[in-house]
Amino acid sequence: MLIVNVDNKTPIEKALKLFKSKVIKTKLMTELKKRKEFTKNSVMRRDELKKAIYSQKYKSNEND
């Protein structure tokens, strides 16, 4: 749970900005999107493999 401490003097825009930055730092929205649908372990492994292959190709092309 995210908590943003706000005084009476603090404007609502600043509080919303603090809340948004906390959401981004804790990666809350990405976790919610990820949990929205169930993905099988084999599919997750396949995606990780695709990402690894892509990054390897990108890094090898960058060095050449």
PDB file of N, CA and C in Angstrom:
ATOM      1  N   MET A   1       0.840  -1.168   0.000  1.00  0.00           N
ATOM      2  CA  MET A   1       0.000   0.000   0.000  1.00  0.00           C
ATOM      3  C   MET A   1       0.890   1.237   0.000  1.00  0.00           C
ATOM      4  N   LEU A   2       0.523   2.182  -0.811  1.00  0.00           N
ATOM      5  CA  LEU A   2       1.283   3.421  -0.917  1.00  0.00           C
ATOM      6  C   LEU A   2       0.651   4.482  -0.038  1.00  0.00           C
ATOM      7  N   ILE A   3       1.483   5.160   0.717  1.00  0.00           N
ATOM      8  CA  ILE A   3       1.007   6.221   1.593  1.00  0.00           C
ATOM      9  C   ILE A   3       1.747   7.498   1.252  1.00  0.00           C
ATOM     10  N   VAL A   4       0.990   8.572   1.076  1.00  0.00           N
ATOM     11  CA  VAL A   4       1.571   9.883   0.799  1.00  0.00           C
ATOM     12  C   VAL A   4       1.134  10.803   1.933  1.00  0.00           C
ATOM     13  N   ASN A   5       2.106  11.273   2.682  1.00  0.00           N
ATOM     14  CA  ASN A   5       1.806  12.179   3.789  1.00  0.00           C
ATOM     15  C   ASN A   5       1.624  13.596   3.252  1.00  0.00           C
ATOM     16  N   VAL A   6       0.475  14.180   3.569  1.00  0.00           N
ATOM     17  CA  VAL A   6       0.141  15.500   3.045  1.00  0.00           C
ATOM     18  C   VAL A   6      -0.326  16.386   4.198  1.00  0.00           C
ATOM     19  N   ASP A   7       0.163  17.632   4.209  1.00  0.00           N
ATOM     20  CA  ASP A   7      -0.294  18.620   5.182  1.00  0.00           C
ATOM     21  C   ASP A   7      -1.476  19.373   4.594  1.00  0.00           C
ATOM     22  N   ASN A   8      -2.074  20.221   5.405  1.00  0.00           N
ATOM     23  CA  ASN A   8      -3.162  21.062   4.916  1.00  0.00           C
ATOM     24  C   ASN A   8      -2.654  22.114   3.937  1.00  0.00           C
ATOM     25  N   LYS A   9      -1.394  22.474   4.071  1.00  0.00           N
ATOM     26  CA  LYS A   9      -0.813  23.505   3.210  1.00  0.00           C
ATOM     27  C   LYS A   9      -0.407  22.965   1.841  1.00  0.00           C
ATOM     28  N   THR A  10      -0.205  21.655   1.740  1.00  0.00           N
ATOM     29  CA  THR A  10       0.268  21.058   0.498  1.00  0.00           C
ATOM     30  C   THR A  10      -0.840  21.038  -0.547  1.00  0.00           C
ATOM     31  N   PRO A  11      -0.561  21.551  -1.737  1.00  0.00           N
ATOM     32  CA  PRO A  11      -1.585  21.517  -2.798  1.00  0.00           C
ATOM     33  C   PRO A  11      -1.821  20.088  -3.292  1.00  0.00           C
ATOM     34  N   ILE A  12      -3.003  19.854  -3.803  1.00  0.00           N
ATOM     35  CA  ILE A  12      -3.385  18.520  -4.263  1.00  0.00           C
ATOM     36  C   ILE A  12      -2.546  18.073  -5.457  1.00  0.00           C
ATOM     37  N   GLU A  13      -2.107  19.015  -6.285  1.00  0.00           N
ATOM     38  CA  GLU A  13      -1.295  18.673  -7.444  1.00  0.00           C
ATOM     39  C   GLU A  13       0.038  18.061  -7.013  1.00  0.00           C
ATOM     40  N   LYS A  14       0.616  18.631  -5.960  1.00  0.00           N
ATOM     41  CA  LYS A  14       1.890  18.129  -5.464  1.00  0.00           C
ATOM     42  C   LYS A  14       1.712  16.735  -4.856  1.00  0.00           C
ATOM     43  N   ALA A  15       0.608  16.521  -4.163  1.00  0.00           N
ATOM     44  CA  ALA A  15       0.334  15.212  -3.578  1.00  0.00           C
ATOM     45  C   ALA A  15       0.143  14.165  -4.672  1.00  0.00           C
ATOM     46  N   LEU A  16      -0.566  14.536  -5.726  1.00  0.00           N
ATOM     47  CA  LEU A  16      -0.746  13.609  -6.840  1.00  0.00           C
ATOM     48  C   LEU A  16       0.579  13.288  -7.530  1.00  0.00           C
ATOM     49  N   LYS A  17       1.432  14.298  -7.628  1.00  0.00           N
ATOM     50  CA  LYS A  17       2.740  14.094  -8.237  1.00  0.00           C
ATOM     51  C   LYS A  17       3.582  13.137  -7.389  1.00  0.00           C
ATOM     52  N   LEU A  18       3.524  13.292  -6.072  1.00  0.00           N
ATOM     53  CA  LEU A  18       4.242  12.386  -5.180  1.00  0.00           C
ATOM     54  C   LEU A  18       3.703  10.956  -5.303  1.00  0.00           C
ATOM     55  N   PHE A  19       2.381  10.847  -5.363  1.00  0.00           N
ATOM     56  CA  PHE A  19       1.761   9.532  -5.494  1.00  0.00           C
ATOM     57  C   PHE A  19       2.171   8.867  -6.803  1.00  0.00           C
ATOM     58  N   LYS A  20       2.160   9.628  -7.881  1.00  0.00           N
ATOM     59  CA  LYS A  20       2.528   9.094  -9.191  1.00  0.00           C
ATOM     60  C   LYS A  20       3.979   8.627  -9.191  1.00  0.00           C
ATOM     61  N   SER A  21       4.865   9.404  -8.589  1.00  0.00           N
ATOM     62  CA  SER A  21       6.270   9.009  -8.561  1.00  0.00           C
ATOM     63  C   SER A  21       6.471   7.751  -7.725  1.00  0.00           C
ATOM     64  N   LYS A  22       5.710   7.607  -6.638  1.00  0.00           N
ATOM     65  CA  LYS A  22       5.814   6.393  -5.831  1.00  0.00           C
ATOM     66  C   LYS A  22       5.305   5.181  -6.600  1.00  0.00           C
ATOM     67  N   VAL A  23       4.251   5.361  -7.364  1.00  0.00           N
ATOM     68  CA  VAL A  23       3.715   4.266  -8.174  1.00  0.00           C
ATOM     69  C   VAL A  23       4.751   3.820  -9.197  1.00  0.00           C
ATOM     70  N   ILE A  24       5.421   4.773  -9.823  1.00  0.00           N
ATOM     71  CA  ILE A  24       6.429   4.451 -10.831  1.00  0.00           C
ATOM     72  C   ILE A  24       7.629   3.761 -10.186  1.00  0.00           C
ATOM     73  N   LYS A  25       8.082   4.264  -9.041  1.00  0.00           N
ATOM     74  CA  LYS A  25       9.257   3.686  -8.386  1.00  0.00           C
ATOM     75  C   LYS A  25       9.003   2.269  -7.889  1.00  0.00           C
ATOM     76  N   THR A  26       7.802   2.006  -7.398  1.00  0.00           N
ATOM     77  CA  THR A  26       7.505   0.677  -6.873  1.00  0.00           C
ATOM     78  C   THR A  26       7.035  -0.290  -7.947  1.00  0.00           C
ATOM     79  N   LYS A  27       6.844   0.194  -9.175  1.00  0.00           N
ATOM     80  CA  LYS A  27       6.398  -0.615 -10.311  1.00  0.00           C
ATOM     81  C   LYS A  27       5.070  -1.302 -10.019  1.00  0.00           C
ATOM     82  N   LEU A  28       4.192  -0.582  -9.361  1.00  0.00           N
ATOM     83  CA  LEU A  28       2.895  -1.119  -8.970  1.00  0.00           C
ATOM     84  C   LEU A  28       2.017  -1.407 -10.177  1.00  0.00           C
ATOM     85  N   MET A  29       1.970  -0.495 -11.131  1.00  0.00           N
ATOM     86  CA  MET A  29       1.092  -0.665 -12.289  1.00  0.00           C
ATOM     87  C   MET A  29       1.550  -1.820 -13.175  1.00  0.00           C
ATOM     88  N   THR A  30       2.860  -1.995 -13.324  1.00  0.00           N
ATOM     89  CA  THR A  30       3.340  -3.101 -14.141  1.00  0.00           C
ATOM     90  C   THR A  30       2.975  -4.429 -13.501  1.00  0.00           C
ATOM     91  N   GLU A  31       3.035  -4.483 -12.183  1.00  0.00           N
ATOM     92  CA  GLU A  31       2.655  -5.700 -11.474  1.00  0.00           C
ATOM     93  C   GLU A  31       1.168  -5.991 -11.641  1.00  0.00           C
ATOM     94  N   LEU A  32       0.339  -4.947 -11.585  1.00  0.00           N
ATOM     95  CA  LEU A  32      -1.096  -5.131 -11.769  1.00  0.00           C
ATOM     96  C   LEU A  32      -1.421  -5.604 -13.183  1.00  0.00           C
ATOM     97  N   LYS A  33      -0.764  -5.030 -14.176  1.00  0.00           N
ATOM     98  CA  LYS A  33      -0.983  -5.460 -15.556  1.00  0.00           C
ATOM     99  C   LYS A  33      -0.541  -6.907 -15.751  1.00  0.00           C
ATOM    100  N   LYS A  34       0.549  -7.266 -15.093  1.00  0.00           N
ATOM    101  CA  LYS A  34       1.079  -8.614 -15.212  1.00  0.00           C
ATOM    102  C   LYS A  34       0.125  -9.627 -14.568  1.00  0.00           C
ATOM    103  N   ARG A  35      -0.492  -9.265 -13.467  1.00  0.00           N
ATOM    104  CA  ARG A  35      -1.387 -10.174 -12.760  1.00  0.00           C
ATOM    105  C   ARG A  35      -2.804 -10.194 -13.334  1.00  0.00           C
ATOM    106  N   LYS A  36      -3.070  -9.327 -14.268  1.00  0.00           N
ATOM    107  CA  LYS A  36      -4.412  -9.249 -14.836  1.00  0.00           C
ATOM    108  C   LYS A  36      -4.795 -10.563 -15.522  1.00  0.00           C
ATOM    109  N   GLU A  37      -3.850 -11.160 -16.210  1.00  0.00           N
ATOM    110  CA  GLU A  37      -4.074 -12.426 -16.893  1.00  0.00           C
ATOM    111  C   GLU A  37      -3.025 -13.428 -16.461  1.00  0.00           C
ATOM    112  N   PHE A  38      -3.419 -14.676 -16.394  1.00  0.00           N
ATOM    113  CA  PHE A  38      -2.488 -15.735 -16.037  1.00  0.00           C
ATOM    114  C   PHE A  38      -1.664 -16.116 -17.257  1.00  0.00           C
ATOM    115  N   THR A  39      -0.356 -16.218 -17.051  1.00  0.00           N
ATOM    116  CA  THR A  39       0.517 -16.683 -18.123  1.00  0.00           C
ATOM    117  C   THR A  39       1.235 -17.946 -17.647  1.00  0.00           C
ATOM    118  N   LYS A  40       1.274 -18.916 -18.530  1.00  0.00           N
ATOM    119  CA  LYS A  40       1.914 -20.174 -18.189  1.00  0.00           C
ATOM    120  C   LYS A  40       3.415 -19.969 -18.058  1.00  0.00           C
ATOM    121  N   ASN A  41       4.052 -20.865 -17.285  1.00  0.00           N
ATOM    122  CA  ASN A  41       5.491 -20.771 -17.089  1.00  0.00           C
ATOM    123  C   ASN A  41       6.253 -20.934 -18.394  1.00  0.00           C
ATOM    124  N   SER A  42       5.764 -21.814 -19.266  1.00  0.00           N
ATOM    125  CA  SER A  42       6.448 -22.029 -20.538  1.00  0.00           C
ATOM    126  C   SER A  42       6.416 -20.768 -21.398  1.00  0.00           C
ATOM    127  N   VAL A  43       5.310 -20.029 -21.344  1.00  0.00           N
ATOM    128  CA  VAL A  43       5.193 -18.793 -22.115  1.00  0.00           C
ATOM    129  C   VAL A  43       6.135 -17.732 -21.544  1.00  0.00           C
ATOM    130  N   MET A  44       6.217 -17.658 -20.218  1.00  0.00           N
ATOM    131  CA  MET A  44       7.125 -16.679 -19.595  1.00  0.00           C
ATOM    132  C   MET A  44       8.576 -16.990 -19.958  1.00  0.00           C
ATOM    133  N   ARG A  45       8.939 -18.286 -19.921  1.00  0.00           N
ATOM    134  CA  ARG A  45      10.305 -18.680 -20.284  1.00  0.00           C
ATOM    135  C   ARG A  45      10.602 -18.344 -21.740  1.00  0.00           C
ATOM    136  N   ARG A  46       9.631 -18.584 -22.610  1.00  0.00           N
ATOM    137  CA  ARG A  46       9.795 -18.283 -24.028  1.00  0.00           C
ATOM    138  C   ARG A  46      10.018 -16.791 -24.240  1.00  0.00           C
ATOM    139  N   ASP A  47       9.247 -15.964 -23.542  1.00  0.00           N
ATOM    140  CA  ASP A  47       9.408 -14.514 -23.657  1.00  0.00           C
ATOM    141  C   ASP A  47      10.764 -14.058 -23.144  1.00  0.00           C
ATOM    142  N   GLU A  48      11.212 -14.641 -22.024  1.00  0.00           N
ATOM    143  CA  GLU A  48      12.526 -14.295 -21.492  1.00  0.00           C
ATOM    144  C   GLU A  48      13.620 -14.669 -22.477  1.00  0.00           C
ATOM    145  N   LEU A  49      13.470 -15.823 -23.117  1.00  0.00           N
ATOM    146  CA  LEU A  49      14.447 -16.258 -24.103  1.00  0.00           C
ATOM    147  C   LEU A  49      14.483 -15.314 -25.293  1.00  0.00           C
ATOM    148  N   LYS A  50      13.317 -14.885 -25.759  1.00  0.00           N
ATOM    149  CA  LYS A  50      13.253 -13.926 -26.865  1.00  0.00           C
ATOM    150  C   LYS A  50      13.952 -12.624 -26.502  1.00  0.00           C
ATOM    151  N   LYS A  51      13.713 -12.139 -25.294  1.00  0.00           N
ATOM    152  CA  LYS A  51      14.350 -10.899 -24.848  1.00  0.00           C
ATOM    153  C   LYS A  51      15.857 -11.055 -24.772  1.00  0.00           C
ATOM    154  N   ALA A  52      16.311 -12.203 -24.264  1.00  0.00           N
ATOM    155  CA  ALA A  52      17.743 -12.449 -24.141  1.00  0.00           C
ATOM    156  C   ALA A  52      18.406 -12.512 -25.511  1.00  0.00           C
ATOM    157  N   ILE A  53      17.770 -13.183 -26.448  1.00  0.00           N
ATOM    158  CA  ILE A  53      18.317 -13.284 -27.808  1.00  0.00           C
ATOM    159  C   ILE A  53      18.384 -11.909 -28.451  1.00  0.00           C
ATOM    160  N   TYR A  54      17.325 -11.131 -28.280  1.00  0.00           N
ATOM    161  CA  TYR A  54      17.298  -9.787 -28.856  1.00  0.00           C
ATOM    162  C   TYR A  54      18.413  -8.924 -28.268  1.00  0.00           C
ATOM    163  N   SER A  55      18.567  -8.965 -26.946  1.00  0.00           N
ATOM    164  CA  SER A  55      19.591  -8.118 -26.322  1.00  0.00           C
ATOM    165  C   SER A  55      20.986  -8.573 -26.729  1.00  0.00           C
ATOM    166  N   GLN A  56      21.196  -9.875 -26.890  1.00  0.00           N
ATOM    167  CA  GLN A  56      22.492 -10.380 -27.344  1.00  0.00           C
ATOM    168  C   GLN A  56      22.807  -9.864 -28.745  1.00  0.00           C
ATOM    169  N   LYS A  57      21.830  -9.938 -29.647  1.00  0.00           N
ATOM    170  CA  LYS A  57      22.039  -9.443 -31.006  1.00  0.00           C
ATOM    171  C   LYS A  57      22.319  -7.947 -31.005  1.00  0.00           C
ATOM    172  N   TYR A  58      21.559  -7.212 -30.194  1.00  0.00           N
ATOM    173  CA  TYR A  58      21.726  -5.766 -30.126  1.00  0.00           C
ATOM    174  C   TYR A  58      23.112  -5.404 -29.618  1.00  0.00           C
ATOM    175  N   LYS A  59      23.561  -6.079 -28.575  1.00  0.00           N
ATOM    176  CA  LYS A  59      24.868  -5.785 -28.005  1.00  0.00           C
ATOM    177  C   LYS A  59      26.006  -6.200 -28.939  1.00  0.00           C
ATOM    178  N   SER A  60      25.837  -7.318 -29.646  1.00  0.00           N
ATOM    179  CA  SER A  60      26.883  -7.739 -30.566  1.00  0.00           C
ATOM    180  C   SER A  60      26.974  -6.807 -31.764  1.00  0.00           C
ATOM    181  N   ASN A  61      25.849  -6.300 -32.242  1.00  0.00           N
ATOM    182  CA  ASN A  61      25.862  -5.332 -33.351  1.00  0.00           C
ATOM    183  C   ASN A  61      26.443  -4.019 -32.900  1.00  0.00           C
ATOM    184  N   GLU A  62      26.239  -3.658 -31.656  1.00  0.00           N
ATOM    185  CA  GLU A  62      26.739  -2.396 -31.128  1.00  0.00           C
ATOM    186  C   GLU A  62      28.270  -2.413 -31.044  1.00  0.00           C
ATOM    187  N   ASN A  63      28.825  -3.577 -30.695  1.00  0.00           N
ATOM    188  CA  ASN A  63      30.281  -3.692 -30.554  1.00  0.00           C
ATOM    189  C   ASN A  63      30.981  -3.738 -31.899  1.00  0.00           C
ATOM    190  N   ASP A  64      30.325  -4.218 -32.939  1.00  0.00           N
ATOM    191  CA  ASP A  64      30.949  -4.337 -34.259  1.00  0.00           C
ATOM    192  C   ASP A  64      31.085  -3.034 -34.968  1.00  0.00           C
TER     193      ASP A  64
END
